[in-house]
Protein backbone atom coordinates (compact mmCIF):
# COMPACT_ATOMS: atom_id res chain seq x y z
CA MET A 1 -34.25 -11.09 5.42
CA LYS A 2 -34.04 -9.11 2.15
CA LEU A 3 -31.26 -9.86 -0.54
CA GLN A 4 -29.96 -8.16 -3.82
CA GLN A 5 -27.10 -9.20 -6.09
CA LEU A 6 -25.33 -7.11 -8.60
CA LEU A 7 -22.42 -7.71 -11.06
CA LEU A 8 -20.17 -4.89 -11.40
CA ASN A 9 -17.71 -4.83 -14.43
CA SER A 10 -14.32 -3.41 -14.82
CA LYS A 11 -15.85 0.21 -15.67
CA LYS A 12 -18.36 -0.15 -12.57
CA GLN A 13 -21.19 -0.56 -14.52
CA GLN A 14 -23.99 -1.93 -12.71
CA LYS A 15 -26.20 -4.91 -13.62
CA ILE A 16 -28.88 -6.14 -10.96
CA LEU A 17 -29.19 -9.93 -11.05
CA LEU A 18 -31.59 -10.12 -8.72
CA SER A 19 -33.56 -8.31 -5.96
CA THR A 20 -36.38 -9.96 -3.59
CA ASP A 21 -39.48 -8.06 -2.56
CA ASN A 22 -38.95 -4.68 -0.63
CA PHE A 23 -35.54 -4.65 -0.59
CA LYS A 24 -34.38 -0.94 -0.12
CA SER A 25 -30.30 -0.84 -0.48
CA GLU A 26 -30.28 2.12 2.18
CA ASN A 27 -31.38 -0.35 4.85
CA ALA A 28 -28.80 -3.22 3.89
CA ASN A 29 -26.88 -4.62 7.07
CA LEU A 30 -24.06 -6.48 5.18
CA VAL A 31 -22.74 -6.50 1.75
CA LEU A 32 -20.29 -9.09 0.44
CA ALA A 33 -18.38 -8.79 -2.55
CA PHE A 34 -16.05 -11.51 -4.57
CA ALA A 35 -13.91 -10.88 -7.56
CA GLN A 36 -10.71 -11.63 -9.05
CA ARG A 37 -7.84 -10.04 -6.92
CA THR A 38 -6.44 -8.09 -10.08
CA LEU A 39 -10.07 -6.75 -11.09
CA LEU A 40 -10.67 -5.31 -7.39
CA GLU A 41 -7.40 -3.36 -7.32
CA LYS A 42 -8.05 -2.17 -10.90
CA VAL A 43 -11.82 -0.88 -9.53
CA CYS A 44 -11.33 0.15 -6.21
CA PRO A 45 -14.97 -0.51 -5.89
CA PHE A 46 -15.55 0.34 -2.20
CA ASP A 47 -16.65 4.13 -2.78
CA LEU A 48 -19.25 3.20 -5.48
CA LEU A 49 -20.64 0.24 -3.13
CA LYS A 50 -20.72 2.63 -0.05
CA GLU A 51 -23.03 4.90 -2.07
CA ILE A 52 -25.29 2.23 -2.94
CA TYR A 53 -25.30 0.99 0.61
CA PRO A 54 -24.47 3.70 2.75
CA ASN A 55 -25.42 2.09 6.14
CA ALA A 56 -23.76 -1.37 5.45
CA GLN A 57 -20.56 -3.07 6.42
CA ILE A 58 -19.03 -3.62 3.29
CA ILE A 59 -16.46 -6.64 2.85
CA LEU A 60 -14.41 -7.02 -0.11
CA CYS A 61 -12.47 -10.32 -1.07
CA SER A 62 -10.36 -11.63 -3.67
CA SER A 63 -11.38 -15.20 -5.28
CA SER A 64 -10.54 -17.64 -7.91
CA GLY A 65 -13.69 -17.62 -9.00
CA GLN A 66 -16.84 -15.71 -7.90
CA VAL A 67 -20.60 -17.43 -7.66
CA SER A 68 -23.72 -15.93 -8.57
CA ASN A 69 -27.09 -16.99 -8.20
CA ASN A 70 -27.17 -17.66 -11.91
CA CYS A 71 -25.18 -20.77 -11.02
CA THR A 72 -22.09 -19.27 -12.76
CA ILE A 73 -18.59 -18.31 -12.30
CA GLU A 74 -18.99 -14.54 -13.20
CA LYS A 75 -16.07 -12.66 -14.61
CA GLY A 76 -17.52 -9.33 -12.78
CA ILE A 77 -17.70 -8.27 -9.51
CA VAL A 78 -20.39 -10.48 -7.63
CA VAL A 79 -22.09 -8.16 -4.81
CA THR A 80 -24.46 -9.60 -2.44
CA ALA A 81 -26.52 -7.04 -0.29
CA ILE A 82 -28.11 -8.35 2.65
CA GLU A 83 -30.85 -6.70 4.44
CA PHE A 84 -31.68 -8.20 8.00
CA ASP A 85 -35.12 -7.69 9.83
CA LYS A 86 -34.34 -8.90 13.45
CA THR A 87 -30.86 -9.36 13.26
CA LYS A 88 -27.72 -7.46 14.44
CA ILE A 89 -24.42 -7.64 13.17
CA ILE A 90 -21.23 -6.57 14.08
CA ALA A 91 -17.66 -6.30 12.18
CA THR A 92 -13.90 -6.39 12.84
CA GLU A 93 -10.72 -6.51 11.09
CA PHE A 94 -7.26 -7.79 11.83
CA ASP A 95 -4.03 -6.97 9.75
CA ILE A 96 -1.49 -9.61 10.13
CA LEU A 97 1.09 -7.96 8.36
CA ALA A 98 0.94 -5.19 10.78
CA ASN A 99 0.80 -7.72 13.51
CA ASN A 100 1.32 -11.20 13.37
CA ASN A 101 0.69 -12.57 16.58
CA ILE A 102 -2.60 -14.77 16.29
CA ASP A 103 -3.27 -14.63 19.76
CA ASP A 104 -3.74 -11.12 19.27
CA LEU A 105 -5.99 -11.44 16.38
CA GLY A 106 -7.99 -14.49 18.89
CA GLU A 107 -8.22 -11.52 21.51
CA LYS A 108 -9.36 -8.70 19.42
CA ILE A 109 -12.33 -10.82 18.30
CA LYS A 110 -13.40 -12.33 21.34
CA GLU A 111 -13.48 -8.41 23.10
CA GLU A 112 -15.16 -7.28 19.89
CA LEU A 113 -17.50 -10.38 18.99
CA PHE A 114 -18.04 -12.41 21.92
CA SER A 115 -21.20 -12.06 23.83
CA LYS A 116 -24.40 -14.25 25.02
CA ASP A 117 -26.31 -13.74 22.03
CA LEU A 118 -23.66 -14.67 19.67
CA LYS A 119 -25.23 -17.16 16.93
CA SER A 120 -22.42 -17.70 14.46
CA VAL A 121 -19.19 -16.33 13.06
CA LEU A 122 -18.19 -15.24 9.23
CA ILE A 123 -14.35 -15.32 8.56
CA LEU A 124 -13.01 -14.12 5.57
CA SER A 125 -9.20 -14.15 5.55
CA GLU A 126 -6.36 -13.47 2.98
CA GLY A 127 -5.16 -16.67 1.74
CA SER A 128 -1.28 -15.81 1.42
CA PHE A 129 0.50 -15.60 4.92
CA ILE A 130 -1.96 -16.94 7.27
CA ASN A 131 -1.72 -20.55 8.48
CA GLY A 132 -5.06 -21.54 8.12
CA THR A 133 -4.70 -24.32 11.53
CA GLU A 134 -3.48 -21.70 13.56
CA LEU A 135 -6.11 -19.54 12.74
CA ILE A 136 -9.26 -21.67 13.12
CA ASN A 137 -7.44 -23.21 16.44
CA GLU A 138 -7.51 -19.29 17.79
CA LEU A 139 -10.99 -19.33 16.98
CA ILE A 140 -12.32 -22.31 18.43
CA LYS A 141 -10.10 -21.25 21.66
CA ARG A 142 -11.51 -18.05 21.89
CA THR A 143 -15.23 -19.11 21.34
CA ASN A 144 -14.77 -22.06 23.82
CA LYS A 145 -15.47 -24.44 20.88
CA LEU A 146 -19.47 -22.92 21.57
CA ILE A 147 -19.62 -20.76 18.37
CA PRO A 148 -20.24 -22.40 14.84
CA ILE A 149 -17.75 -20.47 12.34
CA PHE A 150 -17.91 -20.50 8.79
CA GLY A 151 -16.14 -18.78 5.69
CA GLY A 152 -12.90 -19.33 3.95
CA LEU A 153 -9.49 -18.21 2.83
CA ALA A 154 -9.09 -15.45 0.19
CA GLY A 155 -8.31 -16.64 -3.45
CA ASP A 156 -6.06 -15.00 -6.49
CA GLU A 157 -7.43 -16.78 -9.54
CA PHE A 158 -4.88 -19.50 -10.33
CA SER A 159 -1.51 -17.15 -9.29
CA PHE A 160 -1.13 -17.45 -6.00
CA GLU A 161 0.82 -14.63 -6.07
CA LYS A 162 -1.32 -12.65 -3.37
CA THR A 163 -4.64 -12.22 -1.74
CA ILE A 164 -6.65 -9.01 -0.51
CA VAL A 165 -9.62 -8.42 1.73
CA GLY A 166 -11.04 -5.29 3.06
CA LEU A 167 -13.33 -4.27 5.55
CA ASN A 168 -15.18 -0.74 4.86
CA ALA A 169 -12.25 0.02 2.82
CA ASN A 170 -10.74 -1.11 -0.79
CA ALA A 171 -8.91 -4.65 -0.37
CA SER A 172 -5.63 -5.23 0.56
CA SER A 173 -3.02 -7.63 1.69
CA GLY A 174 -2.83 -9.13 5.21
CA LYS A 175 -6.46 -8.34 5.99
CA ILE A 176 -8.84 -10.81 8.43
CA VAL A 177 -12.39 -9.97 8.67
CA ALA A 178 -14.87 -11.33 11.08
CA VAL A 179 -18.87 -10.74 11.37
CA GLY A 180 -20.34 -11.44 14.13
CA PHE A 181 -24.71 -12.67 14.11
CA TYR A 182 -26.71 -12.02 17.14
CA GLY A 183 -30.08 -12.74 18.21
CA GLU A 184 -32.67 -15.69 18.27
CA HIS A 185 -33.92 -15.04 14.98
CA ILE A 186 -31.24 -15.98 12.47
CA HIS A 187 -30.98 -19.74 11.77
CA PHE A 188 -27.84 -21.28 10.14
CA GLY A 189 -26.86 -24.62 8.43
CA TYR A 190 -23.57 -25.78 7.25
CA GLY A 191 -22.11 -28.87 5.10
CA SER A 192 -18.91 -29.93 3.77
CA GLU A 193 -18.07 -32.66 1.25
CA GLY A 194 -15.31 -33.06 -0.84
CA GLY A 195 -15.54 -36.13 -3.32
CA TRP A 196 -12.02 -36.96 -3.77
CA GLY A 197 -10.84 -40.89 -3.70
CA ASP A 198 -7.29 -41.91 -2.13
CA PHE A 199 -4.81 -43.90 -3.79
CA GLY A 200 -1.43 -45.34 -2.82
CA PRO A 201 -0.62 -46.58 0.45
CA GLU A 202 -1.24 -44.61 3.77
CA ARG A 203 2.41 -43.33 4.99
CA GLU A 204 3.52 -41.48 8.45
CA VAL A 205 4.78 -38.00 8.43
CA THR A 206 8.34 -38.37 10.26
CA LEU A 207 9.76 -34.40 9.59
CA SER A 208 7.31 -31.61 9.43
CA ASP A 209 7.28 -27.64 10.94
CA LYS A 210 3.35 -26.67 11.17
CA ASN A 211 2.07 -26.27 7.72
CA VAL A 212 5.45 -27.40 6.17
CA LEU A 213 6.22 -31.20 5.21
CA TYR A 214 9.54 -32.14 5.32
CA LYS A 215 9.77 -36.23 5.32
CA ILE A 216 7.20 -38.87 4.81
CA GLY A 217 8.74 -41.98 6.11
CA ASP A 218 12.34 -42.00 5.04
CA ARG A 219 11.69 -40.19 2.12
CA PHE A 220 11.88 -36.46 1.38
CA ALA A 221 8.28 -35.08 0.90
CA LEU A 222 8.61 -33.99 -2.51
CA ASP A 223 10.80 -36.79 -3.60
CA LEU A 224 7.65 -38.88 -3.12
CA TYR A 225 5.27 -36.83 -3.91
CA LYS A 226 6.87 -36.40 -8.01
CA GLU A 227 7.41 -39.85 -7.89
CA TYR A 228 3.51 -40.62 -7.77
CA LEU A 229 2.78 -37.45 -10.26
CA GLY A 230 4.56 -38.97 -12.95
CA LYS A 231 4.15 -36.89 -15.68
CA TYR A 232 2.62 -34.17 -13.56
CA ALA A 233 5.80 -33.46 -11.81
CA ASP A 234 6.95 -30.96 -14.20
CA GLU A 235 4.14 -28.68 -14.00
CA LEU A 236 4.35 -28.33 -10.33
CA PRO A 237 3.06 -26.20 -8.14
CA GLY A 238 0.25 -25.86 -10.13
CA SER A 239 -0.56 -29.45 -10.84
CA SER A 240 -0.47 -30.32 -7.15
CA LEU A 241 -4.05 -28.87 -6.97
CA TYR A 242 -4.92 -32.18 -9.11
CA PHE A 243 -3.46 -34.35 -6.05
CA PRO A 244 -3.85 -33.11 -2.67
CA LEU A 245 -3.10 -34.91 0.35
CA SER A 246 -5.71 -36.60 2.94
CA MET A 247 -4.51 -36.62 6.32
CA LYS A 248 -5.50 -38.06 9.44
CA GLU A 249 -3.80 -37.03 12.89
CA ASN A 250 -3.57 -40.64 14.32
CA CYS A 251 -5.58 -43.32 13.41
CA GLU A 252 -8.72 -42.86 15.17
CA SER A 253 -9.34 -39.26 13.73
CA ALA A 254 -11.15 -38.33 10.71
CA SER A 255 -9.28 -37.70 7.45
CA VAL A 256 -9.51 -33.93 6.10
CA VAL A 257 -8.05 -32.71 3.01
CA ARG A 258 -4.85 -30.45 2.80
CA THR A 259 -4.11 -28.43 -0.65
CA ILE A 260 -0.50 -27.97 -1.51
CA LEU A 261 0.30 -24.31 -1.77
CA ALA A 262 3.99 -24.32 -2.51
CA ILE A 263 7.09 -26.25 -3.06
CA ASP A 264 10.38 -25.77 -2.18
CA GLU A 265 13.15 -27.64 -4.26
CA GLU A 266 15.96 -27.12 -2.45
CA ASN A 267 14.62 -28.16 0.67
CA LYS A 268 12.44 -30.92 -1.14
CA SER A 269 9.35 -29.95 1.12
CA MET A 270 5.76 -28.84 0.46
CA THR A 271 3.65 -26.18 2.00
CA PHE A 272 0.35 -26.68 2.80
CA ALA A 273 -2.85 -24.58 3.43
CA GLY A 274 -3.05 -25.99 7.07
CA ASN A 275 -0.86 -28.00 9.58
CA ILE A 276 0.41 -31.44 8.85
CA PRO A 277 1.97 -32.70 12.35
CA GLU A 278 4.42 -35.23 12.87
CA GLY A 279 3.03 -38.50 13.38
CA SER A 280 -0.20 -37.99 11.26
CA LEU A 281 -0.79 -40.44 8.38
CA VAL A 282 -1.28 -39.11 4.81
CA ARG A 283 -2.24 -40.78 1.47
CA LEU A 284 -2.29 -39.01 -1.99
CA MET A 285 -5.87 -38.34 -3.62
CA LYS A 286 -7.19 -37.70 -6.85
CA GLY A 287 -10.44 -36.43 -8.30
CA ASN A 288 -13.26 -37.83 -9.79
CA ILE A 289 -15.66 -35.19 -11.74
CA ASP A 290 -18.74 -37.04 -11.09
CA LYS A 291 -17.69 -37.65 -7.55
CA LEU A 292 -16.92 -33.79 -6.73
CA ILE A 293 -20.27 -32.93 -8.14
CA ASP A 294 -21.94 -35.48 -6.52
CA ALA A 295 -20.28 -34.49 -2.97
CA ALA A 296 -21.38 -31.02 -3.50
CA SER A 297 -25.25 -32.14 -3.59
CA THR A 298 -24.77 -33.72 -0.83
CA ALA A 299 -23.30 -31.37 1.13
CA ALA A 300 -26.68 -29.22 0.17
CA PHE A 301 -28.65 -32.22 1.01
CA LYS A 302 -27.52 -32.83 4.62
CA ILE A 303 -28.22 -29.04 5.52
CA LYS A 304 -32.00 -28.51 7.04
CA THR A 305 -33.46 -25.95 4.78
CA THR A 306 -36.38 -23.69 5.70
CA SER A 307 -39.98 -23.93 3.69
CA LYS A 308 -40.04 -22.96 0.34
CA GLU A 309 -41.68 -19.56 1.47
CA LYS A 310 -38.54 -18.05 3.30
CA VAL A 311 -36.12 -16.45 1.55
CA GLN A 312 -32.45 -17.77 2.64
CA LEU A 313 -29.02 -17.36 1.33
CA ALA A 314 -26.43 -20.01 0.73
CA LEU A 315 -22.66 -18.64 0.94
CA LEU A 316 -20.79 -21.37 -1.30
CA VAL A 317 -16.76 -21.62 -0.51
CA SER A 318 -15.37 -24.14 -2.83
CA CYS A 319 -11.62 -25.00 -3.28
CA VAL A 320 -9.84 -23.45 -6.42
CA GLY A 321 -8.09 -27.14 -6.91
CA ARG A 322 -12.14 -28.31 -7.85
CA ARG A 323 -12.29 -25.42 -10.23
CA ILE A 324 -9.42 -26.45 -11.79
CA VAL A 325 -10.50 -30.47 -12.07
CA LEU A 326 -14.20 -29.77 -12.97
CA GLY A 327 -12.87 -27.37 -15.83
CA ASP A 328 -15.84 -26.52 -18.17
CA ARG A 329 -17.99 -28.70 -15.65
CA VAL A 330 -17.56 -26.35 -12.64
CA GLU A 331 -20.70 -24.96 -12.90
CA GLU A 332 -22.70 -28.43 -12.36
CA GLU A 333 -21.39 -28.31 -8.91
CA LEU A 334 -23.59 -25.17 -8.35
CA GLU A 335 -26.43 -26.34 -10.19
CA VAL A 336 -26.56 -29.50 -8.06
CA VAL A 337 -26.51 -27.11 -5.17
CA LYS A 338 -29.20 -25.19 -6.16
CA ASP A 339 -31.27 -27.88 -7.25
CA ASN A 340 -31.21 -29.16 -3.50
CA PHE A 341 -32.68 -25.62 -2.21
CA GLY A 342 -34.99 -24.81 -4.81
CA GLU A 343 -35.61 -21.01 -6.39
CA ASN A 344 -36.03 -19.04 -2.93
CA THR A 345 -32.19 -19.75 -1.53
CA ILE A 346 -29.77 -17.48 -3.40
CA LEU A 347 -26.28 -18.44 -4.11
CA CYS A 348 -23.58 -16.58 -3.68
CA GLY A 349 -19.96 -17.26 -2.66
CA PHE A 350 -16.30 -17.66 -4.41
CA TYR A 351 -13.63 -19.91 -5.21
CA SER A 352 -10.63 -20.02 -2.38
CA TYR A 353 -7.31 -21.29 -1.04
CA GLY A 354 -9.25 -22.81 1.87
CA GLU A 355 -12.64 -23.49 3.44
CA ILE A 356 -14.02 -22.90 7.03
CA SER A 357 -17.13 -24.74 8.21
CA PRO A 358 -18.22 -26.53 11.52
CA THR A 359 -18.32 -30.43 11.49
CA GLN A 360 -20.67 -32.85 12.96
CA LYS A 361 -17.63 -33.73 15.83
CA ASN A 362 -16.52 -30.40 16.35
CA VAL A 363 -19.37 -27.55 16.53
CA ALA A 364 -17.03 -24.70 16.21
CA CYS A 365 -15.13 -25.20 12.74
CA GLU A 366 -12.58 -27.29 10.95
CA LEU A 367 -10.55 -26.03 8.31
CA HIS A 368 -10.99 -27.93 5.05
CA ASN A 369 -9.24 -27.82 1.76
CA GLN A 370 -10.71 -29.13 -2.04
CA THR A 371 -14.29 -29.22 -0.62
CA MET A 372 -17.86 -27.63 -1.64
CA THR A 373 -18.46 -25.82 1.92
CA ILE A 374 -21.77 -24.33 2.24
CA ALA A 375 -23.38 -22.22 5.19
CA THR A 376 -27.14 -21.21 5.02
CA MET A 377 -28.82 -18.48 6.93
CA TYR A 378 -32.22 -16.93 7.02
CA GLU A 379 -34.69 -15.05 9.65
CA ASP A 380 -37.80 -16.39 11.31
């Protein structure tokens, strides 16, 4: 496996950030390009990327911050090209604005990607219209819980207006891209950690509809949430990124973090990036900067890595809420990941509206919020 990483500015000027030995752009199989939505709309970089990497599957995805191997949040378009030596890939796209039937999405992915030598699936999905929980549940069902799935939901900086994704075309609204990786020579590692701390009592969800939460106990959800936020309530919905919810579907299940995407003052409800089922148990959470950074280090440490002689790619998908809370220290969570892996691991990725990664209890995947999620890949 050989890699190249470019940085494109708003004038389409290129800067090579790295290129491993013997990389040839005409041999690249897969290109991942992350940037702010407004920059992607202004530059429309697909034609240029197609000239540089004529034989690659090219994916564009809007973000809330794009990660380069320099452990920095870049202002330009970060383009990472992968040249596989022994691995086949197949990419497909689905438009949920043209067809919002999640079953049809699952059927398309099953028909076009699923085969006996499928090793893993990368999902880069728009983050504005999709219910993340329904997306991953459909993927798990269609792959019979046998195939690890990783990736994330596109971001929109801190605007929350719309997100865009594209496969072999300039990015647009409503697109979900899936990439299948095939064969015995490619190997993956997966890690995901949060680092958030619970506060306040655990309470039962008494009224919800999928990812819309109406009541916790006998209180309207938004009223209760504002009560806990205190002075931060006036800054909603932006301030909600500092205070996500921890959710357990039942007393025995593991907790996951849910990010608030929107609030409805009239109905006193909150909309989340994933489902909040009735009967589930929720608690508010808050972030400690050092614990968030330590969690990123733990996510990297848990992944089995290759020998130092092998080149591998680490795709980092971290939440926009983490970026906001970490502030000027955001790049520290990238640096601790790099320190764990060493110099032969190339970093790329983005800050997202939701992270997708396998868990120990569920080999397929889980929707995460407010985590640092990492997927590594290398060939033998």
